[in-house]
Amino acid sequence: DVARVALVEDFLAPRWQLQGLVSGQWDTSGYSQLLESNAARRLLTAHIELEYRWPAPQWGGQATVSAYAARRWSNLTLFDWRDHGIRLSWLRQW
């Protein structure tokens, strides 16, 4: 059994979007007998992303660029991680 709590905040402007997510998750029983003497897993995850969309359609779609950072904390180090980067994308509806 896993319980989850999530909080999502969005900020919108014509070309910019700022989005953040914070979520918590915990197991009600031990995750694995091989990890920390069968400790229940507890996770806290945070993600933030800033995106820019070019105003005019590009090649029949919408070009975007975004920068993001994400972090997960856990009592079991196997599930602890960090990530960040820049994403270029081209979106097209059909």
C-alpha atoms as a PDB file:
ATOM      1  CA  ASP A   1       0.000   0.000   0.000  1.00  0.00           C
ATOM      2  CA  VAL A   2       1.289   3.397  -0.947  1.00  0.00           C
ATOM      3  CA  ALA A   3      -0.127   6.709   0.206  1.00  0.00           C
ATOM      4  CA  ARG A   4       0.521   9.751  -1.962  1.00  0.00           C
ATOM      5  CA  VAL A   5       0.185  13.473  -1.500  1.00  0.00           C
ATOM      6  CA  ALA A   6       0.781  15.916  -4.353  1.00  0.00           C
ATOM      7  CA  LEU A   7       0.756  19.683  -4.666  1.00  0.00           C
ATOM      8  CA  VAL A   8       0.866  21.282  -8.109  1.00  0.00           C
ATOM      9  CA  GLU A   9       1.285  24.991  -8.763  1.00  0.00           C
ATOM     10  CA  ASP A  10       1.102  26.511 -12.261  1.00  0.00           C
ATOM     11  CA  PHE A  11       1.916  30.050 -13.371  1.00  0.00           C
ATOM     12  CA  LEU A  12       0.876  30.945 -16.918  1.00  0.00           C
ATOM     13  CA  ALA A  13       1.861  33.874 -19.158  1.00  0.00           C
ATOM     14  CA  PRO A  14       1.536  34.166 -22.941  1.00  0.00           C
ATOM     15  CA  ARG A  15       4.942  32.611 -23.722  1.00  0.00           C
ATOM     16  CA  TRP A  16       6.275  31.463 -20.345  1.00  0.00           C
ATOM     17  CA  GLN A  17       5.121  28.707 -18.028  1.00  0.00           C
ATOM     18  CA  LEU A  18       6.477  27.966 -14.563  1.00  0.00           C
ATOM     19  CA  GLN A  19       5.421  24.665 -13.038  1.00  0.00           C
ATOM     20  CA  GLY A  20       6.332  23.029  -9.748  1.00  0.00           C
ATOM     21  CA  LEU A  21       5.419  19.739  -8.136  1.00  0.00           C
ATOM     22  CA  VAL A  22       6.019  18.422  -4.636  1.00  0.00           C
ATOM     23  CA  SER A  23       4.896  14.912  -3.713  1.00  0.00           C
ATOM     24  CA  GLY A  24       5.318  12.564  -0.790  1.00  0.00           C
ATOM     25  CA  GLN A  25       4.952   8.806  -0.764  1.00  0.00           C
ATOM     26  CA  TRP A  26       5.362   6.198   1.937  1.00  0.00           C
ATOM     27  CA  ASP A  27       4.823   2.464   2.262  1.00  0.00           C
ATOM     28  CA  THR A  28       2.650   1.067   5.046  1.00  0.00           C
ATOM     29  CA  SER A  29       4.845  -2.021   5.360  1.00  0.00           C
ATOM     30  CA  GLY A  30       8.485  -2.939   4.735  1.00  0.00           C
ATOM     31  CA  TYR A  31       9.771  -2.471   1.194  1.00  0.00           C
ATOM     32  CA  SER A  32      12.290  -5.336   1.050  1.00  0.00           C
ATOM     33  CA  GLN A  33      14.065  -7.509   3.580  1.00  0.00           C
ATOM     34  CA  LEU A  34      17.270  -6.861   1.631  1.00  0.00           C
ATOM     35  CA  LEU A  35      17.116  -3.079   2.223  1.00  0.00           C
ATOM     36  CA  GLU A  36      17.600  -1.524   5.689  1.00  0.00           C
ATOM     37  CA  SER A  37      16.131  -4.516   7.557  1.00  0.00           C
ATOM     38  CA  ASN A  38      12.780  -4.314   5.738  1.00  0.00           C
ATOM     39  CA  ALA A  39      12.230  -0.608   6.495  1.00  0.00           C
ATOM     40  CA  ALA A  40       9.133   1.049   5.071  1.00  0.00           C
ATOM     41  CA  ARG A  41      10.092   3.330   2.165  1.00  0.00           C
ATOM     42  CA  ARG A  42       9.522   7.094   2.519  1.00  0.00           C
ATOM     43  CA  LEU A  43       9.944   9.446  -0.453  1.00  0.00           C
ATOM     44  CA  LEU A  44       9.732  13.203  -0.960  1.00  0.00           C
ATOM     45  CA  THR A  45      10.031  14.451  -4.549  1.00  0.00           C
ATOM     46  CA  ALA A  46      10.313  18.046  -5.824  1.00  0.00           C
ATOM     47  CA  HIS A  47      10.341  19.207  -9.456  1.00  0.00           C
ATOM     48  CA  ILE A  48      10.432  22.713 -10.928  1.00  0.00           C
ATOM     49  CA  GLU A  49      10.424  23.678 -14.602  1.00  0.00           C
ATOM     50  CA  LEU A  50      10.463  26.945 -16.551  1.00  0.00           C
ATOM     51  CA  GLU A  51       9.326  26.737 -20.182  1.00  0.00           C
ATOM     52  CA  TYR A  52       9.342  29.254 -23.050  1.00  0.00           C
ATOM     53  CA  ARG A  53       7.181  28.819 -26.170  1.00  0.00           C
ATOM     54  CA  TRP A  54       8.055  30.687 -29.341  1.00  0.00           C
ATOM     55  CA  PRO A  55       5.133  32.915 -30.376  1.00  0.00           C
ATOM     56  CA  ALA A  56       4.862  31.882 -34.023  1.00  0.00           C
ATOM     57  CA  PRO A  57       4.340  28.308 -35.219  1.00  0.00           C
ATOM     58  CA  GLN A  58       7.569  26.651 -36.345  1.00  0.00           C
ATOM     59  CA  TRP A  59       7.318  24.131 -39.211  1.00  0.00           C
ATOM     60  CA  GLY A  60       3.649  23.463 -38.497  1.00  0.00           C
ATOM     61  CA  GLY A  61       4.110  23.064 -34.733  1.00  0.00           C
ATOM     62  CA  GLN A  62       5.130  24.855 -31.544  1.00  0.00           C
ATOM     63  CA  ALA A  63       8.817  25.060 -30.555  1.00  0.00           C
ATOM     64  CA  THR A  64       9.656  25.172 -26.824  1.00  0.00           C
ATOM     65  CA  VAL A  65      12.704  25.225 -24.581  1.00  0.00           C
ATOM     66  CA  SER A  66      12.655  24.498 -20.869  1.00  0.00           C
ATOM     67  CA  ALA A  67      15.023  24.191 -17.938  1.00  0.00           C
ATOM     68  CA  TYR A  68      14.191  21.855 -15.078  1.00  0.00           C
ATOM     69  CA  ALA A  69      15.521  20.554 -11.787  1.00  0.00           C
ATOM     70  CA  ALA A  70      14.245  17.580  -9.780  1.00  0.00           C
ATOM     71  CA  ARG A  71      15.240  15.969  -6.494  1.00  0.00           C
ATOM     72  CA  ARG A  72      14.030  12.942  -4.564  1.00  0.00           C
ATOM     73  CA  TRP A  73      14.883  12.298  -0.923  1.00  0.00           C
ATOM     74  CA  SER A  74      14.385   8.841   0.588  1.00  0.00           C
ATOM     75  CA  ASN A  75      15.216   6.974   3.771  1.00  0.00           C
ATOM     76  CA  LEU A  76      16.467   4.164   1.462  1.00  0.00           C
ATOM     77  CA  THR A  77      19.452   5.475  -0.518  1.00  0.00           C
ATOM     78  CA  LEU A  78      18.550   3.296  -3.520  1.00  0.00           C
ATOM     79  CA  PHE A  79      15.632   5.692  -4.225  1.00  0.00           C
ATOM     80  CA  ASP A  80      17.548   8.969  -3.638  1.00  0.00           C
ATOM     81  CA  TRP A  81      18.309  10.917  -6.861  1.00  0.00           C
ATOM     82  CA  ARG A  82      18.845  14.314  -8.513  1.00  0.00           C
ATOM     83  CA  ASP A  83      18.233  15.404 -12.086  1.00  0.00           C
ATOM     84  CA  HIS A  84      18.454  18.662 -14.018  1.00  0.00           C
ATOM     85  CA  GLY A  85      18.737  19.734 -17.612  1.00  0.00           C
ATOM     86  CA  ILE A  86      17.543  21.680 -20.613  1.00  0.00           C
ATOM     87  CA  ARG A  87      14.880  20.291 -22.911  1.00  0.00           C
ATOM     88  CA  LEU A  88      14.191  21.393 -26.496  1.00  0.00           C
ATOM     89  CA  SER A  89      10.925  20.216 -27.978  1.00  0.00           C
ATOM     90  CA  TRP A  90       8.641  20.653 -30.932  1.00  0.00           C
ATOM     91  CA  LEU A  91       4.927  20.028 -30.374  1.00  0.00           C
ATOM     92  CA  ARG A  92       2.368  19.393 -33.085  1.00  0.00           C
ATOM     93  CA  GLN A  93      -1.315  18.620 -32.787  1.00  0.00           C
ATOM     94  CA  TRP A  94      -3.011  16.384 -35.322  1.00  0.00           C
END
